[in-house]
Amino acid sequence: LIEGLLEAGKLRAGARVLYSGSETTRSVWLFSGLQPFVDVSLADIEGCLTKASTRLTLGVAARRRMNLYSASKIIGGLWISQLAKERPEIYFVTVSPGGTFGTDVYRTMPKPIPFVMGLSVTKTAMTWLGAGHSLDVGAKRYVEAVSAASFPERFPSGSVVGGGSWMGTSGALVEQSSFSSVYTDTAMQEEAARVVRAAMLQ
């Protein structure tokens, strides 16, 4: 959609494009046990677009799902960063809403995750630990990214932004490259854009 809008001239100078990212693209302490692997190399990008790595998943469905999700978010963020370099007149940013309660994101996860995440005690504990927050807090991240005049000053075009805690996904927004150098890798940005565009033609 974004590539098509750009090609058609529907996104012009001064526009802002926001991609929904995730803190699952880096190691988060509270995902321990579910998060087997978040390291995508240059050679992995093309393969990850169609099939997630099974490295360290140990045959556990939830870990396989997390691998697939993480890889998709890494590739998407890299592609958005490449677009920012190619189209400097447009503001591009990847922003994670964080672990947001009040959506059905956990409904299709492997069991017993839907049950556990539906418990009020789980939500209370995860909020207290900084692993998640309300829908309002998650939505506010997006609203600020697309409307606040100061947002592009804080986070230049091409930034990948999310929570600042190594423990969870809440808290003040920070550039995620402070946790993972993958987002500053220009070769990976170019490769992500290449494979995304190649997939569009299939």
Protein backbone atom coordinates (compact mmCIF):
# COMPACT_ATOMS: atom_id res chain seq x y z
CA LEU A 1 0.00 0.00 0.00
CA ILE A 2 2.72 2.48 0.98
CA GLU A 3 4.83 1.76 -2.09
CA GLY A 4 1.73 2.12 -4.28
CA LEU A 5 0.74 5.43 -2.69
CA LEU A 6 4.27 6.74 -3.17
CA GLU A 7 4.34 5.63 -6.79
CA ALA A 8 0.97 7.27 -7.44
CA GLY A 9 2.08 10.55 -5.83
CA LYS A 10 -0.55 10.27 -3.10
CA LEU A 11 2.04 10.74 -0.37
CA ARG A 12 3.70 14.09 -0.84
CA ALA A 13 6.19 16.35 0.91
CA GLY A 14 5.26 16.93 4.53
CA ALA A 15 3.31 13.67 4.90
CA ARG A 16 3.96 11.35 7.82
CA VAL A 17 4.01 7.57 7.44
CA LEU A 18 3.87 5.44 10.58
CA TYR A 19 4.60 1.71 10.66
CA SER A 20 3.48 -0.29 13.70
CA GLY A 21 6.56 -1.80 15.30
CA SER A 22 7.20 -3.94 18.35
CA GLU A 23 9.65 -4.35 21.20
CA THR A 24 9.75 -8.06 20.30
CA THR A 25 12.46 -7.08 17.81
CA ARG A 26 14.91 -6.97 20.71
CA SER A 27 15.45 -8.96 23.88
CA VAL A 28 12.87 -8.17 26.56
CA TRP A 29 13.24 -9.81 29.95
CA LEU A 30 9.52 -10.38 30.48
CA PHE A 31 9.27 -12.31 27.19
CA SER A 32 11.77 -14.87 28.47
CA GLY A 33 10.56 -18.36 27.65
CA LEU A 34 8.42 -17.12 24.75
CA GLN A 35 11.08 -15.20 22.86
CA PRO A 36 13.67 -17.63 21.48
CA PHE A 37 15.47 -15.57 18.89
CA VAL A 38 15.40 -11.97 17.70
CA ASP A 39 18.62 -11.81 15.72
CA VAL A 40 18.00 -11.49 11.98
CA SER A 41 21.09 -11.36 9.78
CA LEU A 42 21.45 -9.96 6.28
CA ALA A 43 21.33 -13.49 4.86
CA ASP A 44 18.15 -14.28 6.82
CA ILE A 45 15.95 -11.47 5.49
CA GLU A 46 14.72 -13.02 2.26
CA GLY A 47 13.95 -16.38 3.88
CA CYS A 48 12.23 -14.78 6.88
CA LEU A 49 9.77 -13.05 4.59
CA THR A 50 8.11 -16.39 3.84
CA LYS A 51 9.16 -18.69 6.67
CA ALA A 52 10.28 -17.79 10.17
CA SER A 53 13.43 -19.30 11.59
CA THR A 54 12.86 -22.29 13.85
CA ARG A 55 16.16 -21.68 15.62
CA LEU A 56 15.85 -22.30 19.37
CA THR A 57 12.07 -22.72 19.22
CA LEU A 58 12.35 -26.27 20.62
CA GLY A 59 9.13 -27.21 18.83
CA VAL A 60 7.08 -24.89 21.06
CA ALA A 61 4.24 -23.26 19.10
CA ALA A 62 4.32 -19.99 21.05
CA ARG A 63 8.05 -19.62 20.41
CA ARG A 64 7.58 -20.30 16.68
CA ARG A 65 4.82 -17.66 16.59
CA MET A 66 7.05 -15.14 18.36
CA ASN A 67 9.85 -15.79 15.83
CA LEU A 68 7.51 -15.12 12.92
CA TYR A 69 6.13 -11.96 14.53
CA SER A 70 9.54 -10.61 15.48
CA ALA A 71 11.02 -11.21 12.02
CA SER A 72 8.11 -9.46 10.31
CA LYS A 73 8.49 -6.42 12.54
CA ILE A 74 12.27 -6.26 12.04
CA ILE A 75 11.96 -6.44 8.25
CA GLY A 76 9.16 -3.86 8.23
CA GLY A 77 11.15 -1.45 10.37
CA LEU A 78 14.24 -1.81 8.20
CA TRP A 79 12.16 -1.18 5.06
CA ILE A 80 10.61 1.97 6.58
CA SER A 81 14.10 3.24 7.48
CA GLN A 82 15.20 2.70 3.87
CA LEU A 83 12.15 4.61 2.59
CA ALA A 84 13.15 7.51 4.85
CA LYS A 85 16.52 7.71 3.08
CA GLU A 86 14.95 7.48 -0.37
CA ARG A 87 12.19 10.03 0.32
CA PRO A 88 13.62 12.71 2.62
CA GLU A 89 10.66 15.02 1.93
CA ILE A 90 8.34 12.58 3.78
CA TYR A 91 8.56 11.65 7.45
CA PHE A 92 8.76 7.89 8.08
CA VAL A 93 8.82 6.32 11.53
CA THR A 94 8.29 2.92 13.12
CA VAL A 95 6.50 3.16 16.47
CA SER A 96 5.56 0.35 18.81
CA PRO A 97 2.31 0.73 20.77
CA GLY A 98 3.88 -1.45 23.48
CA GLY A 99 2.13 -4.33 25.20
CA THR A 100 -1.41 -2.98 24.96
CA PHE A 101 -4.29 -4.47 26.91
CA GLY A 102 -7.79 -4.08 25.52
CA THR A 103 -7.14 -5.58 22.07
CA ASP A 104 -7.62 -9.16 20.87
CA VAL A 105 -3.95 -9.59 19.92
CA TYR A 106 -3.58 -12.57 22.26
CA ARG A 107 -6.76 -14.34 21.12
CA THR A 108 -5.09 -16.32 18.32
CA MET A 109 -1.91 -17.15 20.24
CA PRO A 110 -1.22 -20.81 21.12
CA LYS A 111 -2.76 -22.09 24.33
CA PRO A 112 -2.62 -21.32 27.22
CA ILE A 113 -1.60 -17.73 26.36
CA PRO A 114 -5.16 -16.49 25.54
CA PHE A 115 -6.44 -17.77 28.89
CA VAL A 116 -3.52 -16.42 30.91
CA MET A 117 -3.63 -13.01 29.21
CA GLY A 118 -7.37 -12.77 29.83
CA LEU A 119 -6.94 -12.90 33.60
CA SER A 120 -7.21 -9.56 35.38
CA VAL A 121 -4.41 -10.56 37.75
CA THR A 122 -2.12 -11.05 34.75
CA LYS A 123 -2.90 -7.60 33.38
CA THR A 124 -2.39 -6.00 36.79
CA ALA A 125 0.93 -7.75 37.33
CA MET A 126 2.21 -6.99 33.84
CA THR A 127 1.22 -3.33 34.12
CA TRP A 128 3.02 -3.07 37.46
CA LEU A 129 6.14 -4.71 35.97
CA GLY A 130 6.13 -2.41 32.95
CA ALA A 131 5.24 -5.16 30.47
CA GLY A 132 2.09 -3.49 29.24
CA HIS A 133 -0.36 -0.64 29.51
CA SER A 134 -3.88 0.45 28.56
CA LEU A 135 -5.18 0.89 25.03
CA ASP A 136 -5.22 4.67 25.59
CA VAL A 137 -1.50 4.72 26.36
CA GLY A 138 -0.68 2.61 23.30
CA ALA A 139 -2.86 4.76 21.03
CA LYS A 140 -1.28 7.94 22.38
CA ARG A 141 2.09 6.83 21.00
CA TYR A 142 0.61 6.71 17.50
CA VAL A 143 -1.26 10.00 17.84
CA GLU A 144 1.89 11.82 18.96
CA ALA A 145 3.91 10.31 16.11
CA VAL A 146 1.52 11.53 13.42
CA SER A 147 0.52 14.88 14.93
CA ALA A 148 2.97 16.27 17.50
CA ALA A 149 5.23 18.95 16.04
CA SER A 150 8.08 17.89 18.35
CA PHE A 151 8.02 14.20 17.41
CA PRO A 152 10.21 14.49 14.26
CA GLU A 153 12.62 16.65 16.26
CA ARG A 154 12.96 13.94 18.92
CA PHE A 155 13.04 11.07 16.44
CA PRO A 156 14.40 11.82 12.94
CA SER A 157 12.80 10.23 9.90
CA GLY A 158 13.62 6.53 9.70
CA SER A 159 13.72 6.04 13.46
CA VAL A 160 12.46 2.87 15.13
CA VAL A 161 10.82 3.87 18.39
CA GLY A 162 9.49 1.89 21.34
CA GLY A 163 9.52 1.56 25.11
CA GLY A 164 12.76 2.28 26.90
CA SER A 165 12.82 -0.57 29.39
CA TRP A 166 14.92 -3.72 29.01
CA MET A 167 12.35 -5.41 31.24
CA GLY A 168 9.10 -4.69 29.40
CA THR A 169 7.42 -2.58 26.73
CA SER A 170 6.09 0.43 28.63
CA GLY A 171 7.64 3.71 29.58
CA ALA A 172 8.96 6.70 27.70
CA LEU A 173 9.68 6.23 24.01
CA VAL A 174 13.29 5.80 22.95
CA GLU A 175 15.12 4.96 19.72
CA GLN A 176 15.33 1.15 19.64
CA SER A 177 18.77 1.16 18.05
CA SER A 178 20.03 1.80 21.58
CA PHE A 179 19.04 -1.84 22.25
CA SER A 180 19.76 -3.37 18.85
CA SER A 181 22.23 -2.20 16.21
CA VAL A 182 20.26 -4.01 13.48
CA TYR A 183 18.25 -0.85 12.78
CA THR A 184 21.33 1.20 11.88
CA ASP A 185 22.63 -1.38 9.42
CA THR A 186 22.34 0.25 5.99
CA ALA A 187 22.92 -3.01 4.09
CA MET A 188 20.04 -4.64 5.97
CA GLN A 189 17.78 -1.66 5.27
CA GLU A 190 18.49 -1.94 1.56
CA GLU A 191 17.96 -5.70 1.55
CA ALA A 192 14.68 -5.41 3.46
CA ALA A 193 13.39 -2.91 0.91
CA ARG A 194 14.52 -5.17 -1.93
CA VAL A 195 12.72 -8.27 -0.64
CA VAL A 196 9.56 -6.35 0.24
CA ARG A 197 9.41 -4.89 -3.26
CA ALA A 198 10.14 -8.28 -4.83
CA ALA A 199 7.27 -9.80 -2.83
CA MET A 200 4.95 -7.12 -4.21
CA LEU A 201 5.53 -8.46 -7.73
CA GLN A 202 4.66 -12.06 -6.92
